[in-house]
Amino acid sequence: MNEIKIYENKEIRSVWDNEKEEWYFSVVDVVGVLTEQETPRGASTYWAVLKKRLKEEGNELLTICKQLKI
């Protein structure tokens, strides 16, 4: 089940996984809201730069996962 959540009047895409009984949220949408990006492209760029910096610092909190469609 796909659903749009609203946080501070901004849309955040989400998906409910019935098997795991967990919500999944679009990281790009969350980053966009938290960093007050004006466009989805700005949020995507911000997230890409953050991932690159984390990797350079040796932070392995990210999985090897390509962009998924919500």
C-alpha atoms as a PDB file:
ATOM      1  CA  MET A   1       0.000   0.000   0.000  1.00  0.00           C
ATOM      2  CA  ASN A   2       1.531   3.301  -1.106  1.00  0.00           C
ATOM      3  CA  GLU A   3       0.572   6.359   0.847  1.00  0.00           C
ATOM      4  CA  ILE A   4       1.549  10.016   1.081  1.00  0.00           C
ATOM      5  CA  LYS A   5       2.371  11.343   4.539  1.00  0.00           C
ATOM      6  CA  ILE A   6       2.373  15.062   5.273  1.00  0.00           C
ATOM      7  CA  TYR A   7       5.006  16.687   7.487  1.00  0.00           C
ATOM      8  CA  GLU A   8       5.052  20.461   7.826  1.00  0.00           C
ATOM      9  CA  ASN A   9       2.880  20.711   4.695  1.00  0.00           C
ATOM     10  CA  LYS A  10       5.381  18.692   2.637  1.00  0.00           C
ATOM     11  CA  GLU A  11       4.655  15.304   1.083  1.00  0.00           C
ATOM     12  CA  ILE A  12       6.688  12.243   2.065  1.00  0.00           C
ATOM     13  CA  ARG A  13       6.130   9.101   0.020  1.00  0.00           C
ATOM     14  CA  SER A  14       5.750   5.897   2.008  1.00  0.00           C
ATOM     15  CA  VAL A  15       5.005   2.212   1.495  1.00  0.00           C
ATOM     16  CA  TRP A  16       3.580  -0.307   3.973  1.00  0.00           C
ATOM     17  CA  ASP A  17       5.095  -3.836   3.918  1.00  0.00           C
ATOM     18  CA  ASN A  18       2.405  -6.256   5.093  1.00  0.00           C
ATOM     19  CA  GLU A  19       4.860  -9.133   5.579  1.00  0.00           C
ATOM     20  CA  LYS A  20       7.257  -7.225   7.820  1.00  0.00           C
ATOM     21  CA  GLU A  21       4.571  -4.898   9.178  1.00  0.00           C
ATOM     22  CA  GLU A  22       6.838  -1.896   8.618  1.00  0.00           C
ATOM     23  CA  TRP A  23       6.584   1.471   6.932  1.00  0.00           C
ATOM     24  CA  TYR A  24       9.257   2.525   4.445  1.00  0.00           C
ATOM     25  CA  PHE A  25       9.752   6.209   3.711  1.00  0.00           C
ATOM     26  CA  SER A  26      11.443   7.983   0.831  1.00  0.00           C
ATOM     27  CA  VAL A  27      14.824   9.144   2.130  1.00  0.00           C
ATOM     28  CA  VAL A  28      14.959  11.869  -0.499  1.00  0.00           C
ATOM     29  CA  ASP A  29      11.578  13.231   0.632  1.00  0.00           C
ATOM     30  CA  VAL A  30      12.613  13.169   4.309  1.00  0.00           C
ATOM     31  CA  VAL A  31      15.960  14.844   3.536  1.00  0.00           C
ATOM     32  CA  GLY A  32      14.132  17.464   1.472  1.00  0.00           C
ATOM     33  CA  VAL A  33      11.814  18.337   4.355  1.00  0.00           C
ATOM     34  CA  LEU A  34      14.523  18.358   7.022  1.00  0.00           C
ATOM     35  CA  THR A  35      16.917  20.478   4.959  1.00  0.00           C
ATOM     36  CA  GLU A  36      14.150  22.729   3.620  1.00  0.00           C
ATOM     37  CA  GLN A  37      14.975  22.037  -0.030  1.00  0.00           C
ATOM     38  CA  GLU A  38      12.792  23.880  -2.510  1.00  0.00           C
ATOM     39  CA  THR A  39      12.706  21.116  -5.143  1.00  0.00           C
ATOM     40  CA  PRO A  40      12.872  17.319  -5.219  1.00  0.00           C
ATOM     41  CA  ARG A  41      16.040  17.695  -7.336  1.00  0.00           C
ATOM     42  CA  GLY A  42      17.651  19.770  -4.576  1.00  0.00           C
ATOM     43  CA  ALA A  43      16.816  17.086  -2.022  1.00  0.00           C
ATOM     44  CA  SER A  44      18.190  14.362  -4.299  1.00  0.00           C
ATOM     45  CA  THR A  45      21.433  16.279  -4.796  1.00  0.00           C
ATOM     46  CA  TYR A  46      21.763  16.918  -1.064  1.00  0.00           C
ATOM     47  CA  TRP A  47      21.290  13.195  -0.334  1.00  0.00           C
ATOM     48  CA  ALA A  48      23.832  12.204  -3.017  1.00  0.00           C
ATOM     49  CA  VAL A  49      26.465  14.551  -1.566  1.00  0.00           C
ATOM     50  CA  LEU A  50      25.754  13.322   1.978  1.00  0.00           C
ATOM     51  CA  LYS A  51      26.126   9.656   0.916  1.00  0.00           C
ATOM     52  CA  LYS A  52      29.439  10.479  -0.802  1.00  0.00           C
ATOM     53  CA  ARG A  53      30.774  12.250   2.297  1.00  0.00           C
ATOM     54  CA  LEU A  54      29.711   9.409   4.593  1.00  0.00           C
ATOM     55  CA  LYS A  55      31.416   6.864   2.356  1.00  0.00           C
ATOM     56  CA  GLU A  56      34.624   8.947   2.284  1.00  0.00           C
ATOM     57  CA  GLU A  57      34.567   9.022   6.096  1.00  0.00           C
ATOM     58  CA  GLY A  58      34.323   5.243   6.178  1.00  0.00           C
ATOM     59  CA  ASN A  59      30.743   5.197   7.403  1.00  0.00           C
ATOM     60  CA  GLU A  60      29.095   2.005   6.213  1.00  0.00           C
ATOM     61  CA  LEU A  61      25.560   2.755   7.377  1.00  0.00           C
ATOM     62  CA  LEU A  62      24.414   2.703   3.776  1.00  0.00           C
ATOM     63  CA  THR A  63      23.588  -0.457   1.880  1.00  0.00           C
ATOM     64  CA  ILE A  64      24.389  -1.012  -1.758  1.00  0.00           C
ATOM     65  CA  CYS A  65      20.972  -0.254  -3.127  1.00  0.00           C
ATOM     66  CA  LYS A  66      19.928   1.502  -6.284  1.00  0.00           C
ATOM     67  CA  GLN A  67      17.044   3.943  -6.334  1.00  0.00           C
ATOM     68  CA  LEU A  68      13.694   2.234  -6.004  1.00  0.00           C
ATOM     69  CA  LYS A  69      10.377   3.424  -7.392  1.00  0.00           C
ATOM     70  CA  ILE A  70       7.697   4.258  -4.853  1.00  0.00           C
END
